[in-house]
N, C-alpha and C. Protein backbone atom coordinates (compact mmCIF):
# COMPACT_ATOMS: atom_id res chain seq x y z
N MET A 1 124.43 53.45 -35.62
CA MET A 1 125.48 53.92 -34.70
C MET A 1 126.28 52.73 -34.20
N ALA A 2 127.59 52.80 -34.33
CA ALA A 2 128.45 51.69 -33.90
C ALA A 2 128.46 51.59 -32.38
N PRO A 3 128.50 50.37 -31.86
CA PRO A 3 128.54 50.21 -30.40
C PRO A 3 129.84 50.74 -29.82
N VAL A 4 129.76 51.22 -28.60
CA VAL A 4 130.95 51.69 -27.90
C VAL A 4 131.58 50.49 -27.19
N VAL A 5 132.83 50.24 -27.46
CA VAL A 5 133.54 49.11 -26.87
C VAL A 5 134.51 49.64 -25.82
N ARG A 6 134.47 49.05 -24.63
CA ARG A 6 135.39 49.46 -23.57
C ARG A 6 136.83 49.40 -24.06
N ALA A 7 137.63 50.35 -23.65
CA ALA A 7 139.01 50.43 -24.12
C ALA A 7 139.82 49.20 -23.70
N ASP A 8 139.59 48.71 -22.47
CA ASP A 8 140.37 47.56 -22.01
C ASP A 8 140.02 46.30 -22.80
N LEU A 9 138.75 46.18 -23.20
CA LEU A 9 138.33 45.02 -23.98
C LEU A 9 138.91 45.09 -25.39
N ALA A 10 138.84 46.25 -26.01
CA ALA A 10 139.41 46.41 -27.35
C ALA A 10 140.91 46.14 -27.33
N ASP A 11 141.59 46.61 -26.27
CA ASP A 11 143.03 46.40 -26.17
C ASP A 11 143.36 44.93 -25.96
N ALA A 12 142.58 44.23 -25.14
CA ALA A 12 142.82 42.80 -24.92
C ALA A 12 142.65 42.01 -26.21
N HIS A 13 141.64 42.37 -27.01
CA HIS A 13 141.44 41.69 -28.29
C HIS A 13 142.58 42.00 -29.26
N ARG A 14 143.00 43.24 -29.30
CA ARG A 14 144.12 43.61 -30.18
C ARG A 14 145.38 42.84 -29.79
N ARG A 15 145.68 42.81 -28.50
CA ARG A 15 146.88 42.12 -28.03
C ARG A 15 146.79 40.62 -28.26
N SER A 16 145.58 40.08 -28.17
CA SER A 16 145.42 38.65 -28.39
C SER A 16 145.74 38.27 -29.83
N LEU A 17 145.27 39.08 -30.78
CA LEU A 17 145.57 38.80 -32.18
C LEU A 17 147.06 39.02 -32.47
N ALA A 18 147.65 40.02 -31.85
CA ALA A 18 149.09 40.22 -32.01
C ALA A 18 149.87 39.04 -31.43
N HIS A 19 149.38 38.49 -30.34
CA HIS A 19 150.00 37.32 -29.72
C HIS A 19 150.03 36.14 -30.70
N VAL A 20 148.95 35.97 -31.45
CA VAL A 20 148.88 34.87 -32.42
C VAL A 20 149.94 35.03 -33.50
N ALA A 21 150.26 36.27 -33.86
CA ALA A 21 151.17 36.55 -34.97
C ALA A 21 152.64 36.56 -34.58
N ALA A 22 152.96 36.16 -33.35
CA ALA A 22 154.34 36.08 -32.88
C ALA A 22 154.74 34.61 -32.74
N PRO A 23 156.03 34.31 -32.84
CA PRO A 23 156.45 32.92 -32.65
C PRO A 23 156.02 32.39 -31.29
N GLY A 24 155.69 31.10 -31.26
CA GLY A 24 155.27 30.46 -30.02
C GLY A 24 156.28 29.47 -29.52
N ALA A 25 155.87 28.64 -28.60
CA ALA A 25 156.78 27.66 -28.02
C ALA A 25 157.23 26.62 -29.05
N ALA A 26 156.28 26.17 -29.90
CA ALA A 26 156.59 25.10 -30.85
C ALA A 26 156.39 25.50 -32.30
N PHE A 27 155.63 26.56 -32.55
CA PHE A 27 155.28 26.94 -33.91
C PHE A 27 155.82 28.32 -34.26
N THR A 28 156.20 28.50 -35.53
CA THR A 28 156.57 29.82 -36.00
C THR A 28 155.33 30.71 -36.08
N ALA A 29 155.53 32.00 -36.27
CA ALA A 29 154.40 32.91 -36.40
C ALA A 29 153.55 32.55 -37.60
N ALA A 30 154.17 32.18 -38.72
CA ALA A 30 153.40 31.80 -39.91
C ALA A 30 152.56 30.57 -39.64
N GLU A 31 153.12 29.60 -38.92
CA GLU A 31 152.36 28.39 -38.59
C GLU A 31 151.21 28.72 -37.63
N ARG A 32 151.47 29.61 -36.70
CA ARG A 32 150.42 29.99 -35.75
C ARG A 32 149.29 30.72 -36.47
N LEU A 33 149.63 31.55 -37.45
CA LEU A 33 148.59 32.25 -38.20
C LEU A 33 147.79 31.29 -39.06
N ALA A 34 148.43 30.24 -39.57
CA ALA A 34 147.68 29.22 -40.32
C ALA A 34 146.70 28.50 -39.40
N ILE A 35 147.13 28.21 -38.19
CA ILE A 35 146.25 27.59 -37.19
C ILE A 35 145.10 28.53 -36.85
N ALA A 36 145.42 29.81 -36.64
CA ALA A 36 144.40 30.80 -36.31
C ALA A 36 143.40 30.95 -37.45
N THR A 37 143.87 30.93 -38.68
CA THR A 37 142.98 31.06 -39.83
C THR A 37 142.05 29.87 -39.92
N ALA A 38 142.57 28.66 -39.67
CA ALA A 38 141.72 27.47 -39.69
C ALA A 38 140.64 27.56 -38.62
N ALA A 39 141.00 28.06 -37.44
CA ALA A 39 140.02 28.21 -36.36
C ALA A 39 138.98 29.26 -36.70
N ARG A 40 139.42 30.41 -37.19
CA ARG A 40 138.49 31.49 -37.55
C ARG A 40 137.52 31.02 -38.63
N ASP A 41 138.06 30.37 -39.66
CA ASP A 41 137.20 29.94 -40.77
C ASP A 41 136.21 28.89 -40.32
N ALA A 42 136.64 27.99 -39.43
CA ALA A 42 135.72 26.97 -38.92
C ALA A 42 134.61 27.61 -38.12
N TYR A 43 134.96 28.59 -37.30
CA TYR A 43 133.94 29.26 -36.48
C TYR A 43 132.92 29.98 -37.35
N LEU A 44 133.35 30.58 -38.44
CA LEU A 44 132.47 31.38 -39.28
C LEU A 44 131.77 30.58 -40.37
N ASP A 45 132.18 29.35 -40.59
CA ASP A 45 131.63 28.54 -41.69
C ASP A 45 130.14 28.29 -41.47
N PRO A 46 129.27 28.69 -42.41
CA PRO A 46 127.83 28.47 -42.22
C PRO A 46 127.43 27.00 -42.42
N SER A 47 128.27 26.23 -43.08
CA SER A 47 127.97 24.80 -43.32
C SER A 47 129.23 23.98 -43.09
N PRO A 48 129.65 23.87 -41.83
CA PRO A 48 130.92 23.18 -41.56
C PRO A 48 130.80 21.68 -41.78
N PRO A 49 131.92 21.03 -42.06
CA PRO A 49 131.90 19.57 -42.14
C PRO A 49 131.62 18.97 -40.77
N PRO A 50 131.23 17.71 -40.71
CA PRO A 50 130.92 17.09 -39.42
C PRO A 50 132.16 16.98 -38.54
N PRO A 51 131.96 16.78 -37.23
CA PRO A 51 133.08 16.79 -36.30
C PRO A 51 134.18 15.78 -36.63
N TRP A 52 133.80 14.65 -37.18
CA TRP A 52 134.80 13.60 -37.41
C TRP A 52 135.63 13.85 -38.67
N ALA A 53 135.23 14.82 -39.50
CA ALA A 53 135.99 15.13 -40.72
C ALA A 53 137.30 15.81 -40.34
N ARG A 54 138.32 15.57 -41.14
CA ARG A 54 139.61 16.23 -40.93
C ARG A 54 139.95 16.95 -42.23
N PRO A 55 139.45 18.17 -42.39
CA PRO A 55 139.50 18.83 -43.69
C PRO A 55 140.88 19.20 -44.18
N TYR A 56 141.86 19.27 -43.29
CA TYR A 56 143.18 19.72 -43.69
C TYR A 56 144.18 18.57 -43.84
N GLY A 57 143.96 17.49 -43.12
CA GLY A 57 144.94 16.41 -43.15
C GLY A 57 146.24 16.77 -42.46
N ARG A 58 146.24 17.85 -41.70
CA ARG A 58 147.41 18.27 -40.91
C ARG A 58 146.95 18.40 -39.47
N PRO A 59 147.59 17.69 -38.55
CA PRO A 59 147.07 17.61 -37.18
C PRO A 59 146.76 18.96 -36.54
N ALA A 60 147.68 19.90 -36.61
CA ALA A 60 147.47 21.18 -35.92
C ALA A 60 146.26 21.91 -36.48
N LEU A 61 146.09 21.89 -37.80
CA LEU A 61 144.96 22.58 -38.42
C LEU A 61 143.65 21.85 -38.15
N ASP A 62 143.70 20.52 -38.20
CA ASP A 62 142.48 19.76 -37.92
C ASP A 62 142.03 19.92 -36.47
N VAL A 63 142.98 19.96 -35.55
CA VAL A 63 142.64 20.19 -34.14
C VAL A 63 142.04 21.58 -33.97
N ALA A 64 142.64 22.59 -34.61
CA ALA A 64 142.11 23.94 -34.52
C ALA A 64 140.69 24.02 -35.07
N HIS A 65 140.47 23.36 -36.19
CA HIS A 65 139.14 23.35 -36.81
C HIS A 65 138.10 22.75 -35.86
N ARG A 66 138.42 21.61 -35.28
CA ARG A 66 137.45 20.94 -34.43
C ARG A 66 137.24 21.70 -33.12
N LEU A 67 138.30 22.25 -32.57
CA LEU A 67 138.17 23.04 -31.35
C LEU A 67 137.27 24.25 -31.56
N ALA A 68 137.46 24.93 -32.68
CA ALA A 68 136.73 26.16 -32.93
C ALA A 68 135.26 25.93 -33.25
N ARG A 69 134.93 24.78 -33.86
CA ARG A 69 133.56 24.58 -34.31
C ARG A 69 132.83 23.45 -33.59
N HIS A 70 133.56 22.45 -33.13
CA HIS A 70 132.91 21.28 -32.55
C HIS A 70 133.57 20.90 -31.22
N ALA A 71 133.86 21.90 -30.38
CA ALA A 71 134.59 21.62 -29.14
C ALA A 71 133.87 20.62 -28.26
N GLY A 72 132.54 20.63 -28.29
CA GLY A 72 131.78 19.72 -27.44
C GLY A 72 131.89 18.26 -27.83
N THR A 73 132.49 17.99 -28.99
CA THR A 73 132.62 16.61 -29.46
C THR A 73 133.99 16.01 -29.17
N LEU A 74 134.90 16.79 -28.62
CA LEU A 74 136.24 16.28 -28.36
C LEU A 74 136.20 15.16 -27.33
N THR A 75 137.00 14.14 -27.57
CA THR A 75 137.08 13.01 -26.65
C THR A 75 138.53 12.69 -26.35
N LEU A 76 138.75 11.99 -25.26
CA LEU A 76 140.09 11.55 -24.91
C LEU A 76 140.63 10.62 -25.99
N ASP A 77 139.80 9.77 -26.54
CA ASP A 77 140.25 8.86 -27.59
C ASP A 77 140.79 9.64 -28.79
N TRP A 78 140.07 10.72 -29.18
CA TRP A 78 140.53 11.48 -30.34
C TRP A 78 141.82 12.21 -30.03
N TYR A 79 141.92 12.77 -28.83
CA TYR A 79 143.17 13.41 -28.42
C TYR A 79 144.32 12.41 -28.49
N GLU A 80 144.13 11.24 -27.94
CA GLU A 80 145.20 10.24 -27.94
C GLU A 80 145.55 9.78 -29.35
N GLN A 81 144.56 9.73 -30.23
CA GLN A 81 144.83 9.37 -31.62
C GLN A 81 145.74 10.41 -32.27
N VAL A 82 145.43 11.68 -32.05
CA VAL A 82 146.24 12.75 -32.64
C VAL A 82 147.66 12.72 -32.08
N ILE A 83 147.79 12.47 -30.79
CA ILE A 83 149.12 12.39 -30.17
C ILE A 83 149.88 11.19 -30.72
N THR A 84 149.20 10.07 -30.90
CA THR A 84 149.83 8.89 -31.46
C THR A 84 150.34 9.15 -32.87
N GLU A 85 149.63 9.99 -33.61
CA GLU A 85 150.03 10.31 -34.98
C GLU A 85 151.24 11.23 -35.04
N GLY A 86 151.68 11.76 -33.90
CA GLY A 86 152.91 12.54 -33.90
C GLY A 86 152.83 13.94 -33.33
N MET A 87 151.63 14.42 -32.98
CA MET A 87 151.54 15.74 -32.35
C MET A 87 151.99 15.65 -30.90
N HIS A 88 152.89 16.51 -30.51
CA HIS A 88 153.35 16.53 -29.11
C HIS A 88 152.25 17.13 -28.23
N PRO A 89 152.07 16.64 -27.00
CA PRO A 89 151.05 17.20 -26.13
C PRO A 89 151.16 18.71 -25.95
N LEU A 90 152.39 19.25 -25.91
CA LEU A 90 152.51 20.70 -25.74
C LEU A 90 152.19 21.45 -27.03
N GLU A 91 152.31 20.79 -28.17
CA GLU A 91 151.81 21.38 -29.41
C GLU A 91 150.29 21.49 -29.35
N TRP A 92 149.64 20.47 -28.80
CA TRP A 92 148.19 20.52 -28.60
C TRP A 92 147.84 21.72 -27.71
N VAL A 93 148.57 21.91 -26.62
CA VAL A 93 148.32 23.03 -25.71
C VAL A 93 148.45 24.35 -26.47
N GLU A 94 149.47 24.45 -27.31
CA GLU A 94 149.66 25.70 -28.05
C GLU A 94 148.52 25.94 -29.04
N VAL A 95 148.06 24.88 -29.71
CA VAL A 95 146.93 25.03 -30.62
C VAL A 95 145.69 25.51 -29.86
N VAL A 96 145.44 24.93 -28.70
CA VAL A 96 144.31 25.38 -27.89
C VAL A 96 144.47 26.86 -27.53
N GLY A 97 145.68 27.26 -27.16
CA GLY A 97 145.92 28.66 -26.83
C GLY A 97 145.66 29.59 -28.01
N ILE A 98 146.03 29.16 -29.20
CA ILE A 98 145.81 29.97 -30.40
C ILE A 98 144.32 30.09 -30.69
N VAL A 99 143.59 28.98 -30.59
CA VAL A 99 142.15 29.02 -30.82
C VAL A 99 141.48 29.94 -29.81
N CYS A 100 141.89 29.84 -28.55
CA CYS A 100 141.33 30.73 -27.51
C CYS A 100 141.69 32.19 -27.76
N ALA A 101 142.78 32.43 -28.46
CA ALA A 101 143.22 33.79 -28.72
C ALA A 101 142.48 34.43 -29.88
N VAL A 102 142.13 33.64 -30.89
CA VAL A 102 141.57 34.23 -32.11
C VAL A 102 140.06 34.22 -32.16
N VAL A 103 139.40 33.20 -31.61
CA VAL A 103 137.95 33.12 -31.76
C VAL A 103 137.22 34.21 -30.97
N PRO A 104 137.58 34.53 -29.72
CA PRO A 104 136.83 35.56 -29.00
C PRO A 104 136.78 36.92 -29.70
N PRO A 105 137.89 37.46 -30.21
CA PRO A 105 137.77 38.74 -30.92
C PRO A 105 136.87 38.67 -32.15
N VAL A 106 136.93 37.55 -32.87
CA VAL A 106 136.08 37.39 -34.05
C VAL A 106 134.62 37.26 -33.63
N ALA A 107 134.36 36.44 -32.62
CA ALA A 107 132.99 36.22 -32.17
C ALA A 107 132.38 37.51 -31.62
N PHE A 108 133.18 38.28 -30.87
CA PHE A 108 132.68 39.53 -30.31
C PHE A 108 132.33 40.52 -31.43
N ALA A 109 133.22 40.65 -32.41
CA ALA A 109 132.97 41.59 -33.50
C ALA A 109 131.71 41.20 -34.26
N ARG A 110 131.54 39.91 -34.52
CA ARG A 110 130.35 39.48 -35.25
C ARG A 110 129.08 39.76 -34.44
N ALA A 111 129.11 39.45 -33.15
CA ALA A 111 127.93 39.65 -32.31
C ALA A 111 127.59 41.13 -32.16
N ALA A 112 128.62 41.99 -32.15
CA ALA A 112 128.40 43.42 -31.96
C ALA A 112 128.13 44.15 -33.27
N GLY A 113 128.17 43.44 -34.38
CA GLY A 113 127.95 44.08 -35.67
C GLY A 113 129.11 44.93 -36.13
N LEU A 114 130.32 44.61 -35.67
CA LEU A 114 131.51 45.34 -36.05
C LEU A 114 132.24 44.61 -37.17
N PRO A 115 133.09 45.27 -37.92
CA PRO A 115 133.89 44.57 -38.93
C PRO A 115 134.75 43.49 -38.28
N LEU A 116 134.85 42.35 -38.92
CA LEU A 116 135.67 41.28 -38.36
C LEU A 116 137.13 41.69 -38.37
N PRO A 117 137.85 41.45 -37.29
CA PRO A 117 139.26 41.87 -37.23
C PRO A 117 140.12 41.05 -38.17
N ALA A 118 141.08 41.71 -38.77
CA ALA A 118 142.04 41.02 -39.63
C ALA A 118 143.18 40.47 -38.77
N LEU A 119 143.76 39.39 -39.22
CA LEU A 119 144.92 38.85 -38.53
C LEU A 119 146.16 39.64 -38.94
N PRO A 120 147.05 39.92 -37.99
CA PRO A 120 148.26 40.68 -38.33
C PRO A 120 149.21 39.87 -39.19
N ASP A 121 150.20 40.55 -39.73
CA ASP A 121 151.27 39.85 -40.45
C ASP A 121 152.15 39.11 -39.46
N PRO A 122 152.75 37.99 -39.88
CA PRO A 122 153.59 37.23 -38.95
C PRO A 122 154.89 37.95 -38.62
N LEU A 123 155.31 37.83 -37.38
CA LEU A 123 156.59 38.36 -36.97
C LEU A 123 157.69 37.33 -37.27
N PRO A 124 158.90 37.79 -37.53
CA PRO A 124 159.99 36.85 -37.82
C PRO A 124 160.45 36.14 -36.55
N GLY A 125 161.21 35.08 -36.76
CA GLY A 125 161.79 34.36 -35.62
C GLY A 125 161.38 32.92 -35.56
N GLU A 126 162.17 32.15 -34.86
CA GLU A 126 161.92 30.73 -34.67
C GLU A 126 161.12 30.51 -33.38
N PRO A 127 160.49 29.34 -33.24
CA PRO A 127 159.81 29.03 -31.97
C PRO A 127 160.76 29.18 -30.79
N HIS A 128 160.26 29.74 -29.70
CA HIS A 128 161.13 30.07 -28.58
C HIS A 128 161.25 28.95 -27.54
N GLY A 129 160.37 27.97 -27.58
CA GLY A 129 160.48 26.83 -26.67
C GLY A 129 160.24 27.15 -25.21
N HIS A 130 159.56 28.25 -24.90
CA HIS A 130 159.35 28.66 -23.52
C HIS A 130 158.28 27.79 -22.85
N VAL A 131 158.71 26.97 -21.93
CA VAL A 131 157.84 26.05 -21.18
C VAL A 131 158.12 26.26 -19.70
N VAL A 132 157.15 25.99 -18.85
CA VAL A 132 157.38 26.13 -17.41
C VAL A 132 158.52 25.23 -16.96
N ASP A 133 159.13 25.60 -15.86
CA ASP A 133 160.31 24.87 -15.38
C ASP A 133 159.99 23.42 -15.03
N GLU A 134 158.80 23.18 -14.49
CA GLU A 134 158.46 21.82 -14.07
C GLU A 134 157.06 21.45 -14.54
N LEU A 135 156.97 20.38 -15.33
CA LEU A 135 155.69 19.87 -15.80
C LEU A 135 155.26 18.69 -14.95
N ALA A 136 153.96 18.45 -14.93
CA ALA A 136 153.43 17.31 -14.18
C ALA A 136 152.24 16.73 -14.95
N PRO A 137 152.06 15.42 -14.91
CA PRO A 137 150.84 14.84 -15.46
C PRO A 137 149.66 15.24 -14.59
N ALA A 138 148.51 15.42 -15.22
CA ALA A 138 147.33 15.90 -14.48
C ALA A 138 146.23 14.86 -14.50
N ARG A 139 145.52 14.77 -13.40
CA ARG A 139 144.32 13.93 -13.33
C ARG A 139 143.13 14.64 -13.94
N LEU A 140 143.12 15.99 -13.85
CA LEU A 140 141.97 16.77 -14.31
C LEU A 140 142.08 17.18 -15.77
N ASN A 141 143.24 17.01 -16.38
CA ASN A 141 143.45 17.41 -17.77
C ASN A 141 144.11 16.29 -18.55
N TRP A 142 143.95 16.30 -19.85
CA TRP A 142 144.62 15.32 -20.69
C TRP A 142 146.10 15.65 -20.88
N VAL A 143 146.42 16.93 -20.81
CA VAL A 143 147.77 17.39 -21.17
C VAL A 143 148.60 17.64 -19.91
N PRO A 144 149.93 17.67 -20.06
CA PRO A 144 150.77 18.06 -18.92
C PRO A 144 150.48 19.50 -18.53
N VAL A 145 150.67 19.79 -17.25
CA VAL A 145 150.42 21.14 -16.73
C VAL A 145 151.59 21.54 -15.84
N ALA A 146 151.60 22.80 -15.43
CA ALA A 146 152.63 23.27 -14.51
C ALA A 146 152.46 22.56 -13.17
N ALA A 147 153.57 22.09 -12.62
CA ALA A 147 153.55 21.43 -11.31
C ALA A 147 153.36 22.47 -10.20
N PRO A 148 152.64 22.11 -9.15
CA PRO A 148 151.98 20.83 -8.89
C PRO A 148 150.63 20.76 -9.60
N ALA A 149 150.29 19.60 -10.08
CA ALA A 149 149.05 19.44 -10.83
C ALA A 149 147.85 19.30 -9.91
N ASP A 150 146.69 19.65 -10.47
CA ASP A 150 145.39 19.39 -9.84
C ASP A 150 145.18 20.12 -8.51
N GLN A 151 145.85 21.26 -8.38
CA GLN A 151 145.63 22.09 -7.20
C GLN A 151 144.55 23.14 -7.45
N VAL A 152 144.23 23.34 -8.73
CA VAL A 152 143.20 24.29 -9.13
C VAL A 152 142.30 23.61 -10.14
N ALA A 153 141.24 24.30 -10.56
CA ALA A 153 140.31 23.72 -11.53
C ALA A 153 141.01 23.40 -12.85
N SER A 154 140.48 22.42 -13.55
CA SER A 154 141.10 22.00 -14.81
C SER A 154 141.19 23.14 -15.81
N VAL A 155 140.16 23.98 -15.88
CA VAL A 155 140.18 25.07 -16.85
C VAL A 155 141.25 26.09 -16.49
N VAL A 156 141.58 26.23 -15.21
CA VAL A 156 142.59 27.19 -14.78
C VAL A 156 143.99 26.67 -15.12
N GLN A 157 144.24 25.39 -14.97
CA GLN A 157 145.58 24.87 -15.20
C GLN A 157 145.80 24.37 -16.62
N ALA A 158 144.77 24.42 -17.48
CA ALA A 158 144.83 23.76 -18.78
C ALA A 158 146.00 24.23 -19.65
N LEU A 159 146.26 25.54 -19.68
CA LEU A 159 147.33 26.08 -20.54
C LEU A 159 148.58 26.44 -19.74
N SER A 160 148.65 25.99 -18.50
CA SER A 160 149.72 26.46 -17.62
C SER A 160 151.10 25.98 -18.02
N ALA A 161 151.20 24.96 -18.86
CA ALA A 161 152.51 24.49 -19.31
C ALA A 161 153.22 25.50 -20.18
N LEU A 162 152.45 26.35 -20.86
CA LEU A 162 153.02 27.35 -21.78
C LEU A 162 152.67 28.74 -21.24
N PRO A 163 153.60 29.40 -20.57
CA PRO A 163 153.28 30.67 -19.91
C PRO A 163 152.71 31.73 -20.84
N ASP A 164 153.18 31.82 -22.08
CA ASP A 164 152.67 32.85 -22.99
C ASP A 164 151.20 32.64 -23.30
N GLU A 165 150.81 31.37 -23.51
CA GLU A 165 149.41 31.08 -23.81
C GLU A 165 148.54 31.31 -22.56
N TRP A 166 149.07 30.92 -21.42
CA TRP A 166 148.35 31.10 -20.15
C TRP A 166 148.12 32.59 -19.88
N ASP A 167 149.18 33.39 -20.09
CA ASP A 167 149.06 34.83 -19.84
C ASP A 167 148.02 35.47 -20.76
N ASN A 168 148.04 35.10 -22.03
CA ASN A 168 147.07 35.70 -22.96
C ASN A 168 145.65 35.29 -22.61
N LEU A 169 145.46 34.04 -22.23
CA LEU A 169 144.12 33.58 -21.85
C LEU A 169 143.57 34.40 -20.69
N TRP A 170 144.39 34.65 -19.67
CA TRP A 170 143.89 35.36 -18.51
C TRP A 170 143.78 36.86 -18.76
N ARG A 171 144.57 37.38 -19.69
CA ARG A 171 144.38 38.78 -20.09
C ARG A 171 143.02 38.94 -20.77
N LEU A 172 142.66 37.99 -21.62
CA LEU A 172 141.33 38.00 -22.23
C LEU A 172 140.24 37.82 -21.19
N ALA A 173 140.44 36.87 -20.28
CA ALA A 173 139.43 36.59 -19.27
C ALA A 173 139.16 37.81 -18.40
N GLU A 174 140.21 38.52 -18.04
CA GLU A 174 140.04 39.69 -17.17
C GLU A 174 139.21 40.76 -17.86
N ALA A 175 139.37 40.94 -19.18
CA ALA A 175 138.62 41.96 -19.91
C ALA A 175 137.22 41.50 -20.27
N GLN A 176 137.09 40.24 -20.63
CA GLN A 176 135.80 39.74 -21.09
C GLN A 176 134.90 39.27 -19.95
N TYR A 177 135.51 38.87 -18.86
CA TYR A 177 134.77 38.25 -17.77
C TYR A 177 135.24 38.84 -16.45
N MET A 178 136.26 38.26 -15.88
CA MET A 178 136.88 38.78 -14.67
C MET A 178 138.20 38.05 -14.46
N SER A 179 139.05 38.59 -13.62
CA SER A 179 140.31 37.93 -13.34
C SER A 179 140.09 36.77 -12.38
N ASP A 180 141.10 35.92 -12.27
CA ASP A 180 140.97 34.78 -11.36
C ASP A 180 140.83 35.25 -9.91
N ARG A 181 141.44 36.38 -9.56
CA ARG A 181 141.32 36.91 -8.20
C ARG A 181 139.89 37.37 -7.92
N GLN A 182 139.27 37.98 -8.91
CA GLN A 182 137.92 38.52 -8.72
C GLN A 182 136.86 37.43 -8.64
N MET A 183 137.17 36.24 -9.12
CA MET A 183 136.20 35.15 -9.09
C MET A 183 135.83 34.74 -7.67
N ASP A 184 136.68 35.06 -6.71
CA ASP A 184 136.40 34.69 -5.33
C ASP A 184 135.34 35.59 -4.68
N ASP A 185 135.00 36.70 -5.36
CA ASP A 185 134.06 37.67 -4.80
C ASP A 185 132.72 37.55 -5.50
N PRO A 186 131.69 36.98 -4.85
CA PRO A 186 130.39 36.80 -5.50
C PRO A 186 129.66 38.10 -5.79
N LEU A 187 130.12 39.21 -5.21
CA LEU A 187 129.46 40.50 -5.42
C LEU A 187 130.23 41.40 -6.40
N TRP A 188 131.34 40.90 -6.94
CA TRP A 188 132.16 41.74 -7.81
C TRP A 188 131.41 42.09 -9.08
N ASN A 189 131.57 43.34 -9.54
CA ASN A 189 131.10 43.73 -10.87
C ASN A 189 131.90 44.95 -11.29
N ARG A 190 131.85 45.26 -12.58
CA ARG A 190 132.58 46.42 -13.08
C ARG A 190 131.65 47.59 -13.35
N GLY A 191 130.47 47.57 -12.70
CA GLY A 191 129.55 48.68 -12.82
C GLY A 191 128.52 48.51 -13.90
N THR A 192 128.46 47.34 -14.51
CA THR A 192 127.46 47.06 -15.54
C THR A 192 126.59 45.91 -15.06
N LEU A 193 126.83 44.71 -15.56
CA LEU A 193 126.09 43.55 -15.07
C LEU A 193 126.55 43.19 -13.67
N SER A 194 125.62 42.72 -12.84
CA SER A 194 126.00 42.19 -11.54
C SER A 194 126.64 40.82 -11.73
N ARG A 195 127.28 40.32 -10.69
CA ARG A 195 127.90 39.00 -10.78
C ARG A 195 126.86 37.91 -11.08
N PRO A 196 125.69 37.88 -10.41
CA PRO A 196 124.69 36.87 -10.78
C PRO A 196 124.23 36.98 -12.24
N GLN A 197 124.11 38.21 -12.74
CA GLN A 197 123.73 38.37 -14.15
C GLN A 197 124.81 37.84 -15.08
N MET A 198 126.07 38.12 -14.74
CA MET A 198 127.18 37.61 -15.54
C MET A 198 127.16 36.09 -15.57
N GLU A 199 126.93 35.47 -14.42
CA GLU A 199 126.94 34.01 -14.34
C GLU A 199 125.75 33.41 -15.10
N LEU A 200 124.62 34.11 -15.10
CA LEU A 200 123.46 33.64 -15.86
C LEU A 200 123.79 33.62 -17.35
N VAL A 201 124.39 34.71 -17.84
CA VAL A 201 124.78 34.76 -19.25
C VAL A 201 125.82 33.67 -19.55
N ALA A 202 126.82 33.54 -18.67
CA ALA A 202 127.87 32.53 -18.89
C ALA A 202 127.28 31.13 -18.90
N GLY A 203 126.36 30.85 -17.98
CA GLY A 203 125.75 29.52 -17.93
C GLY A 203 124.93 29.22 -19.17
N ARG A 204 124.19 30.23 -19.65
CA ARG A 204 123.39 30.03 -20.85
C ARG A 204 124.28 29.78 -22.08
N LEU A 205 125.35 30.56 -22.20
CA LEU A 205 126.26 30.36 -23.32
C LEU A 205 126.95 29.00 -23.24
N SER A 206 127.31 28.59 -22.02
CA SER A 206 127.93 27.27 -21.87
C SER A 206 126.99 26.16 -22.33
N LEU A 207 125.72 26.29 -22.00
CA LEU A 207 124.74 25.30 -22.45
C LEU A 207 124.64 25.29 -23.98
N LEU A 208 124.54 26.46 -24.57
CA LEU A 208 124.40 26.53 -26.03
C LEU A 208 125.65 26.02 -26.75
N ARG A 209 126.82 26.24 -26.12
CA ARG A 209 128.07 25.79 -26.72
C ARG A 209 128.46 24.37 -26.31
N GLN A 210 127.58 23.72 -25.54
CA GLN A 210 127.82 22.35 -25.08
C GLN A 210 129.11 22.22 -24.29
N CYS A 211 129.34 23.23 -23.44
CA CYS A 211 130.50 23.21 -22.57
C CYS A 211 130.14 22.50 -21.27
N PHE A 212 130.92 21.49 -20.88
CA PHE A 212 130.52 20.71 -19.71
C PHE A 212 130.65 21.48 -18.41
N PHE A 213 131.32 22.66 -18.44
CA PHE A 213 131.37 23.49 -17.24
C PHE A 213 130.02 24.13 -16.98
């Protein structure tokens, strides 16, 4: 018997994959889908190359590969090396947004024993260049963020330079976890797991995924 998936969660995953297939701030839809495919394949690879390998020789794809499979090995030195090679910091932000958009639906389907979701066809159009009105360097993040910087946690402001990526991240977070508003309530739940139970699961997964949070 197939598991029953909440409608809001299924919709958030569907919209996230559709988001990947639309033009972004710096990349066309076809380029974004290539990035998403590199991330998905890295996540699913049973014998991935080591973290220092760059299997594609293309910065955006190599960053997606490492983010999806070896996120715990990322360093400031490696980020700066990629930027020195010509990747713009906001392109890095967009790649992170794409990886965050594609891996959760794939990971959820695999864990739930559901068919892995297919990526949609790319939508036409050029990159739209939509960036927040004012950027600021951040002490808590490597990349520029929406001004004013460092007023919230690094994970909250990480994608704030690109509103479309930020919006999709929080749409996923609200369905998979909780919204940023609900995080202030230690007793919040959606009628299933209690908040302490949710945090126990999140903490255990963070440890297994080598997430410093």
